[in-house]
Amino acid sequence: MGKTILTLLLILMYITSLGAQEIEEEKEIKHNVALVFGITHIPKTISEGETLNSQNLPTIGADYFYHFSQKWRLGVVIDVELGKYEVEFNDENLKREIAVVTGVVAGYKILKEWSILAGPGIEFERNKNLFILRVNTEYEFELGKNWGLFPSVGYDFKKEYGTYSLGIGVSKGF
């Protein structure tokens, strides 16, 4: 009889621990950070007084998001465009060098893996700071243990000019 009770207690403890693990694994992720590497495409640039077709710059970024629900999130993004270029604006050449783009974006999950994001921001640069409106989409692949890998495509609307971006990011939820 003592062995039966001991066996039942051990089985009960084992089942309880499995249930606790499932609850822990299903814990809702509220925060997410990401590191993003990409290319920013400037459609029309100027170099040494000559108009070029386009220029691609390497870009590195960091994101933080807070998830309000399974569908909605709000975040801060910071990207650094690693390069120099000039664009024409109001019959002048607007110089850009190592621009730092920041923004506050809202995200909505269309599907479990696919999100759209949009929000205002500022492109900081020593010659002239510019207001932007960023629109982006991402498709996240789950890697396990709250890690993800996502390709992204975006566009920054600016009064002066616009840029396209392609990126790949690694994210961690907690």
Protein backbone atom coordinates (compact mmCIF):
# COMPACT_ATOMS: atom_id res chain seq x y z
CA MET A 1 0.00 0.00 0.00
CA GLY A 2 2.84 2.43 0.83
CA LYS A 3 4.50 1.72 -2.52
CA THR A 4 1.22 2.40 -4.35
CA ILE A 5 0.76 5.76 -2.62
CA LEU A 6 4.38 6.70 -3.29
CA THR A 7 4.00 5.71 -6.96
CA LEU A 8 0.78 7.75 -7.27
CA LEU A 9 2.45 10.76 -5.63
CA LEU A 10 5.42 10.53 -8.02
CA ILE A 11 3.07 10.27 -11.04
CA LEU A 12 1.04 13.25 -9.74
CA MET A 13 4.21 15.32 -9.25
CA TYR A 14 5.39 14.43 -12.77
CA ILE A 15 2.02 15.39 -14.35
CA THR A 16 1.96 18.64 -12.36
CA SER A 17 5.45 19.55 -13.54
CA LEU A 18 4.44 18.89 -17.18
CA GLY A 19 1.43 21.16 -16.75
CA ALA A 20 3.61 23.88 -15.24
CA GLN A 21 6.01 23.64 -18.20
CA GLU A 22 3.14 23.98 -20.67
CA ILE A 23 1.84 27.06 -18.84
CA GLU A 24 5.32 28.57 -18.83
CA GLU A 25 5.79 27.88 -22.56
CA GLU A 26 2.41 29.45 -23.36
CA LYS A 27 3.29 32.61 -21.44
CA GLU A 28 2.42 35.62 -23.58
CA ILE A 29 5.38 37.57 -24.95
CA LYS A 30 5.03 41.30 -24.16
CA HIS A 31 8.45 42.63 -25.24
CA ASN A 32 10.51 42.09 -28.36
CA VAL A 33 13.95 43.36 -29.38
CA ALA A 34 15.57 42.93 -32.78
CA LEU A 35 18.79 43.59 -34.64
CA VAL A 36 18.30 44.30 -38.35
CA PHE A 37 20.81 44.36 -41.22
CA GLY A 38 19.82 45.68 -44.60
CA ILE A 39 20.21 47.80 -47.68
CA THR A 40 18.64 51.23 -48.15
CA HIS A 41 17.98 52.14 -51.79
CA ILE A 42 18.04 55.83 -52.74
CA PRO A 43 16.42 56.02 -56.20
CA LYS A 44 18.17 59.17 -57.52
CA THR A 45 21.45 60.53 -56.12
CA ILE A 46 24.06 63.07 -57.19
CA SER A 47 27.80 62.51 -57.12
CA GLU A 48 30.36 65.15 -58.12
CA GLY A 49 27.62 67.21 -59.78
CA GLU A 50 26.44 64.27 -61.89
CA THR A 51 23.06 62.57 -61.45
CA LEU A 52 23.29 58.83 -60.79
CA ASN A 53 20.48 56.34 -61.29
CA SER A 54 20.48 55.09 -57.71
CA GLN A 55 22.61 54.17 -54.74
CA ASN A 56 22.40 51.34 -52.19
CA LEU A 57 23.71 51.85 -48.67
CA PRO A 58 24.32 49.25 -45.96
CA THR A 59 22.05 49.83 -42.98
CA ILE A 60 22.04 48.49 -39.43
CA GLY A 61 19.16 48.90 -37.02
CA ALA A 62 17.74 48.06 -33.62
CA ASP A 63 14.05 47.75 -32.74
CA TYR A 64 12.07 47.48 -29.50
CA PHE A 65 8.37 46.59 -29.42
CA TYR A 66 5.76 46.28 -26.69
CA HIS A 67 2.86 43.94 -27.56
CA PHE A 68 -0.52 45.22 -26.37
CA SER A 69 -2.31 42.15 -27.71
CA GLN A 70 -1.68 39.26 -30.04
CA LYS A 71 -2.40 41.57 -33.00
CA TRP A 72 -1.15 45.04 -31.96
CA ARG A 73 2.28 46.34 -30.92
CA LEU A 74 3.98 49.71 -30.54
CA GLY A 75 7.70 50.21 -30.93
CA VAL A 76 10.77 52.35 -31.41
CA VAL A 77 13.10 51.80 -34.35
CA ILE A 78 16.60 53.17 -34.92
CA ASP A 79 18.47 52.68 -38.20
CA VAL A 80 21.88 53.97 -39.30
CA GLU A 81 22.55 54.43 -43.03
CA LEU A 82 26.26 53.79 -43.50
CA GLY A 83 27.24 56.02 -46.40
CA LYS A 84 27.35 59.43 -48.08
CA TYR A 85 25.20 60.72 -50.89
CA GLU A 86 23.47 63.83 -52.24
CA VAL A 87 19.94 64.31 -53.53
CA GLU A 88 18.40 67.22 -55.38
CA PHE A 89 15.77 69.20 -53.47
CA ASN A 90 14.46 72.67 -54.38
CA ASP A 91 17.18 73.16 -57.03
CA GLU A 92 19.89 72.47 -54.44
CA ASN A 93 22.00 69.46 -53.56
CA LEU A 94 21.04 68.10 -50.16
CA LYS A 95 24.05 66.29 -48.63
CA ARG A 96 23.47 63.20 -46.51
CA GLU A 97 26.14 61.42 -44.47
CA ILE A 98 25.67 58.63 -41.91
CA ALA A 99 21.98 59.42 -41.39
CA VAL A 100 20.34 58.09 -38.21
CA VAL A 101 16.67 57.32 -38.72
CA THR A 102 14.44 57.03 -35.64
CA GLY A 103 10.74 56.42 -35.44
CA VAL A 104 7.77 55.32 -33.39
CA VAL A 105 5.78 52.70 -35.27
CA ALA A 106 2.59 50.79 -34.66
CA GLY A 107 2.39 47.21 -35.88
CA TYR A 108 -0.55 45.00 -36.74
CA LYS A 109 -0.32 41.24 -37.36
CA ILE A 110 -2.29 40.37 -40.48
CA LEU A 111 -1.40 36.71 -40.00
CA LYS A 112 0.48 34.98 -37.17
CA GLU A 113 3.79 35.52 -39.01
CA TRP A 114 3.06 38.57 -41.19
CA SER A 115 2.93 42.15 -39.86
CA ILE A 116 2.51 45.63 -41.28
CA LEU A 117 3.99 48.64 -39.48
CA ALA A 118 3.71 52.40 -39.90
CA GLY A 119 4.62 55.54 -38.02
CA PRO A 120 6.37 58.92 -37.97
CA GLY A 121 10.04 59.57 -37.38
CA ILE A 122 13.01 61.85 -37.88
CA GLU A 123 16.11 61.30 -39.99
CA PHE A 124 18.94 62.96 -38.08
CA GLU A 125 21.89 64.10 -40.16
CA ARG A 126 24.40 66.91 -39.58
CA ASN A 127 23.40 68.90 -42.71
CA LYS A 128 19.61 68.77 -42.29
CA ASN A 129 17.16 66.72 -40.19
CA LEU A 130 14.16 65.38 -42.11
CA PHE A 131 10.67 64.28 -41.05
CA ILE A 132 9.74 60.79 -42.31
CA LEU A 133 6.72 58.54 -42.43
CA ARG A 134 7.78 54.88 -42.39
CA VAL A 135 5.73 52.00 -43.80
CA ASN A 136 7.09 48.48 -43.42
CA THR A 137 6.10 44.83 -43.65
CA GLU A 138 7.75 41.80 -42.03
CA TYR A 139 7.31 38.04 -42.16
CA GLU A 140 8.72 36.32 -39.06
CA PHE A 141 9.91 32.72 -38.93
CA GLU A 142 9.92 31.25 -35.41
CA LEU A 143 13.25 29.69 -34.46
CA GLY A 144 12.19 28.43 -31.02
CA LYS A 145 12.70 29.68 -27.46
CA ASN A 146 11.16 33.07 -28.45
CA TRP A 147 13.76 33.73 -31.17
CA GLY A 148 12.72 34.77 -34.65
CA LEU A 149 14.17 35.56 -38.07
CA PHE A 150 12.38 38.01 -40.34
CA PRO A 151 12.85 39.55 -43.76
CA SER A 152 11.45 43.07 -44.07
CA VAL A 153 10.57 45.52 -46.83
CA GLY A 154 9.94 49.20 -46.17
CA TYR A 155 9.56 52.67 -47.56
CA ASP A 156 10.39 56.00 -45.89
CA PHE A 157 8.29 58.88 -47.24
CA LYS A 158 10.08 62.24 -47.02
CA LYS A 159 9.14 65.64 -48.45
CA GLU A 160 12.62 65.86 -49.94
CA TYR A 161 12.91 62.29 -51.35
CA GLY A 162 11.97 58.70 -50.54
CA THR A 163 13.95 55.54 -49.82
CA TYR A 164 13.24 51.81 -50.07
CA SER A 165 14.76 49.28 -47.71
CA LEU A 166 15.27 45.54 -47.61
CA GLY A 167 16.45 43.88 -44.44
CA ILE A 168 16.86 40.71 -42.46
CA GLY A 169 16.44 40.76 -38.71
CA VAL A 170 16.88 38.54 -35.69
CA SER A 171 14.44 39.04 -32.83
CA LYS A 172 14.06 37.87 -29.24
CA GLY A 173 10.81 37.96 -27.32
CA PHE A 174 10.56 38.09 -23.54
